[in-house]
Amino acid sequence: MEVILTDSNFEEEVKKSTIPVMVDFYADWCGPCKMMAPLVAQLSEEYSGRCKIAKCNVTDYPGPASEYKIMSIPAFLFFKEGKVVDSVVGAVSKNELAGKIEQVLA
């Protein structure tokens, strides 16, 4: 299950996480974001315990999006030890996201 990020829990859930984290920056009004949601949910189950899959609604919680200069959504940032190590912008295949997760886990 995806972790829902807010301005107040972002640091604890992402920056201080002991396992890698993929953050999906999205908005409810974004068509491509809606298209990616089922894939993100599948990845959260497949990588449960190995990589945290988190979602941050940029409309409701603009703080993290501003901090990481998110200009287009959906945007996926991959964190390891609290630092961004990779990113993907736009609607992409599940395999592309899984490949990025695998690289972060390696």
N, C-alpha and C. Protein backbone atom coordinates (compact mmCIF):
# COMPACT_ATOMS: atom_id res chain seq x y z
N MET A 1 0.83 -1.19 0.00
CA MET A 1 0.00 0.00 0.00
C MET A 1 0.88 1.26 0.00
N GLU A 2 0.51 2.21 -0.82
CA GLU A 2 1.30 3.43 -0.92
C GLU A 2 1.19 4.26 0.36
N VAL A 3 2.28 4.92 0.68
CA VAL A 3 2.29 5.85 1.80
C VAL A 3 1.83 7.20 1.26
N ILE A 4 0.88 7.84 1.95
CA ILE A 4 0.40 9.15 1.53
C ILE A 4 1.25 10.21 2.23
N LEU A 5 1.92 11.03 1.43
CA LEU A 5 2.82 12.04 1.97
C LEU A 5 2.11 13.38 2.14
N THR A 6 2.51 14.10 3.18
CA THR A 6 2.02 15.45 3.43
C THR A 6 3.23 16.34 3.67
N ASP A 7 2.98 17.64 3.80
CA ASP A 7 4.08 18.54 4.12
C ASP A 7 4.73 18.15 5.45
N SER A 8 3.92 17.63 6.38
CA SER A 8 4.45 17.36 7.72
C SER A 8 5.13 15.99 7.88
N ASN A 9 4.80 15.00 7.05
CA ASN A 9 5.43 13.69 7.22
C ASN A 9 6.48 13.36 6.16
N PHE A 10 6.71 14.27 5.21
CA PHE A 10 7.64 13.98 4.11
C PHE A 10 9.04 13.64 4.62
N GLU A 11 9.55 14.45 5.53
CA GLU A 11 10.91 14.21 6.03
C GLU A 11 11.03 12.85 6.69
N GLU A 12 10.08 12.52 7.55
CA GLU A 12 10.13 11.24 8.27
C GLU A 12 9.99 10.05 7.32
N GLU A 13 9.02 10.12 6.41
CA GLU A 13 8.73 8.98 5.52
C GLU A 13 9.73 8.81 4.38
N VAL A 14 10.33 9.92 3.92
CA VAL A 14 11.21 9.85 2.76
C VAL A 14 12.68 10.06 3.14
N LYS A 15 12.98 11.22 3.69
CA LYS A 15 14.38 11.57 3.96
C LYS A 15 15.02 10.69 5.03
N LYS A 16 14.21 10.23 5.99
CA LYS A 16 14.75 9.40 7.08
C LYS A 16 14.45 7.91 6.90
N SER A 17 13.93 7.52 5.75
CA SER A 17 13.58 6.13 5.51
C SER A 17 14.83 5.25 5.48
N THR A 18 14.71 4.06 6.07
CA THR A 18 15.83 3.12 6.08
C THR A 18 15.88 2.28 4.80
N ILE A 19 14.82 2.36 3.99
CA ILE A 19 14.82 1.67 2.70
C ILE A 19 14.60 2.70 1.60
N PRO A 20 14.95 2.38 0.35
CA PRO A 20 14.72 3.32 -0.75
C PRO A 20 13.24 3.69 -0.88
N VAL A 21 12.98 4.86 -1.45
CA VAL A 21 11.61 5.36 -1.59
C VAL A 21 11.41 5.88 -3.02
N MET A 22 10.28 5.53 -3.62
CA MET A 22 9.85 6.14 -4.88
C MET A 22 8.68 7.04 -4.54
N VAL A 23 8.80 8.32 -4.86
CA VAL A 23 7.71 9.27 -4.60
C VAL A 23 7.04 9.64 -5.91
N ASP A 24 5.73 9.45 -5.95
CA ASP A 24 4.90 9.82 -7.09
C ASP A 24 4.28 11.19 -6.77
N PHE A 25 4.74 12.23 -7.46
CA PHE A 25 4.14 13.56 -7.33
C PHE A 25 3.01 13.63 -8.35
N TYR A 26 1.79 13.87 -7.87
CA TYR A 26 0.60 13.80 -8.72
C TYR A 26 -0.43 14.85 -8.30
N ALA A 27 -1.52 14.92 -9.07
CA ALA A 27 -2.68 15.74 -8.70
C ALA A 27 -3.93 15.01 -9.17
N ASP A 28 -5.03 15.20 -8.44
CA ASP A 28 -6.28 14.53 -8.79
C ASP A 28 -6.82 14.95 -10.15
N TRP A 29 -6.52 16.18 -10.59
CA TRP A 29 -7.04 16.69 -11.86
C TRP A 29 -6.18 16.27 -13.06
N CYS A 30 -5.09 15.59 -12.83
CA CYS A 30 -4.11 15.24 -13.88
C CYS A 30 -4.45 13.90 -14.52
N GLY A 31 -4.81 13.92 -15.80
CA GLY A 31 -5.15 12.69 -16.53
C GLY A 31 -4.04 11.65 -16.52
N PRO A 32 -2.81 12.01 -16.93
CA PRO A 32 -1.72 11.03 -16.92
C PRO A 32 -1.44 10.48 -15.51
N CYS A 33 -1.66 11.31 -14.49
CA CYS A 33 -1.46 10.84 -13.11
C CYS A 33 -2.46 9.74 -12.78
N LYS A 34 -3.72 9.94 -13.19
CA LYS A 34 -4.76 8.94 -12.96
C LYS A 34 -4.42 7.64 -13.68
N MET A 35 -3.85 7.79 -14.88
CA MET A 35 -3.47 6.62 -15.66
C MET A 35 -2.36 5.81 -14.96
N MET A 36 -1.47 6.51 -14.27
CA MET A 36 -0.34 5.85 -13.60
C MET A 36 -0.72 5.23 -12.25
N ALA A 37 -1.81 5.69 -11.65
CA ALA A 37 -2.17 5.26 -10.29
C ALA A 37 -2.24 3.74 -10.12
N PRO A 38 -2.88 2.98 -11.03
CA PRO A 38 -2.92 1.52 -10.83
C PRO A 38 -1.53 0.88 -10.89
N LEU A 39 -0.66 1.41 -11.74
CA LEU A 39 0.70 0.87 -11.85
C LEU A 39 1.49 1.13 -10.57
N VAL A 40 1.31 2.32 -10.02
CA VAL A 40 1.99 2.68 -8.77
C VAL A 40 1.50 1.77 -7.64
N ALA A 41 0.20 1.50 -7.61
CA ALA A 41 -0.37 0.61 -6.60
C ALA A 41 0.21 -0.81 -6.73
N GLN A 42 0.34 -1.29 -7.96
CA GLN A 42 0.92 -2.62 -8.19
C GLN A 42 2.37 -2.67 -7.71
N LEU A 43 3.13 -1.63 -8.01
CA LEU A 43 4.54 -1.59 -7.59
C LEU A 43 4.65 -1.57 -6.07
N SER A 44 3.72 -0.90 -5.41
CA SER A 44 3.79 -0.83 -3.94
C SER A 44 3.62 -2.22 -3.33
N GLU A 45 2.81 -3.06 -3.96
CA GLU A 45 2.63 -4.42 -3.46
C GLU A 45 3.84 -5.29 -3.81
N GLU A 46 4.34 -5.15 -5.03
CA GLU A 46 5.46 -5.98 -5.48
C GLU A 46 6.75 -5.68 -4.72
N TYR A 47 6.94 -4.44 -4.31
CA TYR A 47 8.19 -4.06 -3.63
C TYR A 47 8.00 -3.84 -2.13
N SER A 48 6.89 -4.30 -1.60
CA SER A 48 6.59 -4.14 -0.18
C SER A 48 7.75 -4.65 0.68
N GLY A 49 8.21 -3.81 1.60
CA GLY A 49 9.31 -4.19 2.48
C GLY A 49 10.69 -3.94 1.93
N ARG A 50 10.79 -3.74 0.60
CA ARG A 50 12.11 -3.50 -0.01
C ARG A 50 12.27 -2.07 -0.48
N CYS A 51 11.17 -1.48 -0.96
CA CYS A 51 11.17 -0.09 -1.44
C CYS A 51 9.82 0.51 -1.08
N LYS A 52 9.87 1.65 -0.41
CA LYS A 52 8.63 2.33 -0.03
C LYS A 52 8.10 3.09 -1.24
N ILE A 53 6.83 2.89 -1.55
CA ILE A 53 6.18 3.61 -2.65
C ILE A 53 5.26 4.64 -2.00
N ALA A 54 5.49 5.90 -2.34
CA ALA A 54 4.75 6.98 -1.69
C ALA A 54 4.16 7.92 -2.73
N LYS A 55 3.06 8.60 -2.34
CA LYS A 55 2.38 9.53 -3.24
C LYS A 55 2.26 10.88 -2.54
N CYS A 56 2.51 11.94 -3.31
CA CYS A 56 2.39 13.29 -2.76
C CYS A 56 1.53 14.13 -3.71
N ASN A 57 0.35 14.52 -3.23
CA ASN A 57 -0.57 15.34 -4.02
C ASN A 57 -0.04 16.78 -4.02
N VAL A 58 0.40 17.25 -5.19
CA VAL A 58 1.04 18.57 -5.27
C VAL A 58 0.06 19.73 -5.05
N THR A 59 -1.22 19.48 -5.24
CA THR A 59 -2.23 20.52 -5.00
C THR A 59 -2.45 20.71 -3.50
N ASP A 60 -2.59 19.60 -2.78
CA ASP A 60 -2.85 19.65 -1.34
C ASP A 60 -1.60 19.92 -0.52
N TYR A 61 -0.45 19.41 -0.99
CA TYR A 61 0.81 19.53 -0.24
C TYR A 61 1.92 20.02 -1.17
N PRO A 62 1.96 21.31 -1.44
CA PRO A 62 2.93 21.85 -2.40
C PRO A 62 4.36 21.96 -1.88
N GLY A 63 4.56 21.82 -0.57
CA GLY A 63 5.89 21.99 0.00
C GLY A 63 6.96 21.10 -0.62
N PRO A 64 6.78 19.78 -0.58
CA PRO A 64 7.80 18.90 -1.17
C PRO A 64 8.00 19.13 -2.67
N ALA A 65 6.90 19.37 -3.40
CA ALA A 65 7.02 19.62 -4.84
C ALA A 65 7.85 20.86 -5.10
N SER A 66 7.67 21.87 -4.29
CA SER A 66 8.44 23.10 -4.42
C SER A 66 9.91 22.84 -4.08
N GLU A 67 10.14 22.12 -2.99
CA GLU A 67 11.52 21.83 -2.56
C GLU A 67 12.31 21.10 -3.65
N TYR A 68 11.66 20.16 -4.35
CA TYR A 68 12.34 19.37 -5.37
C TYR A 68 12.10 19.89 -6.78
N LYS A 69 11.56 21.11 -6.88
CA LYS A 69 11.37 21.80 -8.15
C LYS A 69 10.60 20.97 -9.17
N ILE A 70 9.49 20.39 -8.72
CA ILE A 70 8.62 19.62 -9.61
C ILE A 70 7.85 20.60 -10.49
N MET A 71 8.06 20.54 -11.80
CA MET A 71 7.42 21.45 -12.74
C MET A 71 6.35 20.76 -13.59
N SER A 72 6.46 19.43 -13.74
CA SER A 72 5.50 18.66 -14.53
C SER A 72 5.12 17.42 -13.74
N ILE A 73 3.87 17.01 -13.90
CA ILE A 73 3.42 15.79 -13.24
C ILE A 73 2.76 14.87 -14.26
N PRO A 74 2.75 13.57 -14.03
CA PRO A 74 3.35 12.92 -12.88
C PRO A 74 4.88 13.00 -12.93
N ALA A 75 5.46 13.07 -11.76
CA ALA A 75 6.92 13.03 -11.63
C ALA A 75 7.25 12.01 -10.55
N PHE A 76 8.25 11.21 -10.82
CA PHE A 76 8.65 10.16 -9.89
C PHE A 76 10.09 10.42 -9.47
N LEU A 77 10.31 10.59 -8.18
CA LEU A 77 11.66 10.75 -7.66
C LEU A 77 12.02 9.51 -6.87
N PHE A 78 13.26 9.08 -7.03
CA PHE A 78 13.75 7.89 -6.35
C PHE A 78 14.79 8.31 -5.32
N PHE A 79 14.53 7.98 -4.08
CA PHE A 79 15.39 8.37 -2.96
C PHE A 79 16.12 7.17 -2.40
N LYS A 80 17.37 7.37 -2.06
CA LYS A 80 18.15 6.37 -1.34
C LYS A 80 18.95 7.12 -0.28
N GLU A 81 18.81 6.66 0.96
CA GLU A 81 19.48 7.31 2.09
C GLU A 81 19.15 8.81 2.16
N GLY A 82 17.89 9.14 1.84
CA GLY A 82 17.41 10.51 1.96
C GLY A 82 17.75 11.44 0.81
N LYS A 83 18.43 10.93 -0.21
CA LYS A 83 18.84 11.78 -1.33
C LYS A 83 18.23 11.28 -2.64
N VAL A 84 17.91 12.22 -3.53
CA VAL A 84 17.38 11.85 -4.85
C VAL A 84 18.50 11.23 -5.68
N VAL A 85 18.26 10.02 -6.18
CA VAL A 85 19.26 9.34 -6.99
C VAL A 85 18.81 9.14 -8.43
N ASP A 86 17.52 9.35 -8.71
CA ASP A 86 17.02 9.20 -10.07
C ASP A 86 15.63 9.83 -10.15
N SER A 87 15.17 10.05 -11.37
CA SER A 87 13.83 10.62 -11.56
C SER A 87 13.29 10.25 -12.93
N VAL A 88 11.96 10.30 -13.03
CA VAL A 88 11.26 10.09 -14.29
C VAL A 88 10.10 11.08 -14.30
N VAL A 89 9.87 11.72 -15.44
CA VAL A 89 8.75 12.65 -15.55
C VAL A 89 7.83 12.15 -16.66
N GLY A 90 6.53 12.16 -16.37
CA GLY A 90 5.53 11.77 -17.36
C GLY A 90 5.03 10.36 -17.16
N ALA A 91 4.02 10.01 -17.93
CA ALA A 91 3.46 8.67 -17.89
C ALA A 91 4.41 7.72 -18.59
N VAL A 92 4.86 6.71 -17.88
CA VAL A 92 5.80 5.73 -18.42
C VAL A 92 5.27 4.33 -18.12
N SER A 93 5.95 3.33 -18.65
CA SER A 93 5.50 1.96 -18.42
C SER A 93 5.86 1.49 -17.01
N LYS A 94 5.13 0.49 -16.56
CA LYS A 94 5.42 -0.11 -15.26
C LYS A 94 6.85 -0.67 -15.27
N ASN A 95 7.25 -1.25 -16.40
CA ASN A 95 8.59 -1.82 -16.50
C ASN A 95 9.67 -0.76 -16.33
N GLU A 96 9.43 0.45 -16.85
CA GLU A 96 10.42 1.51 -16.71
C GLU A 96 10.57 1.90 -15.24
N LEU A 97 9.46 2.05 -14.54
CA LEU A 97 9.52 2.38 -13.12
C LEU A 97 10.17 1.25 -12.31
N ALA A 98 9.80 0.01 -12.62
CA ALA A 98 10.37 -1.13 -11.91
C ALA A 98 11.88 -1.20 -12.15
N GLY A 99 12.31 -0.88 -13.36
CA GLY A 99 13.75 -0.87 -13.67
C GLY A 99 14.50 0.15 -12.83
N LYS A 100 13.88 1.32 -12.67
CA LYS A 100 14.50 2.37 -11.85
C LYS A 100 14.58 1.92 -10.38
N ILE A 101 13.51 1.30 -9.90
CA ILE A 101 13.50 0.78 -8.52
C ILE A 101 14.61 -0.25 -8.35
N GLU A 102 14.73 -1.15 -9.31
CA GLU A 102 15.78 -2.19 -9.24
C GLU A 102 17.16 -1.57 -9.18
N GLN A 103 17.39 -0.49 -9.96
CA GLN A 103 18.69 0.19 -9.94
C GLN A 103 18.96 0.78 -8.55
N VAL A 104 17.92 1.36 -7.95
CA VAL A 104 18.09 1.97 -6.62
C VAL A 104 18.35 0.88 -5.57
N LEU A 105 17.73 -0.27 -5.74
CA LEU A 105 17.91 -1.36 -4.78
C LEU A 105 19.27 -2.06 -4.92
N ALA A 106 19.89 -1.93 -6.09
CA ALA A 106 21.16 -2.63 -6.35
C ALA A 106 22.30 -2.10 -5.50
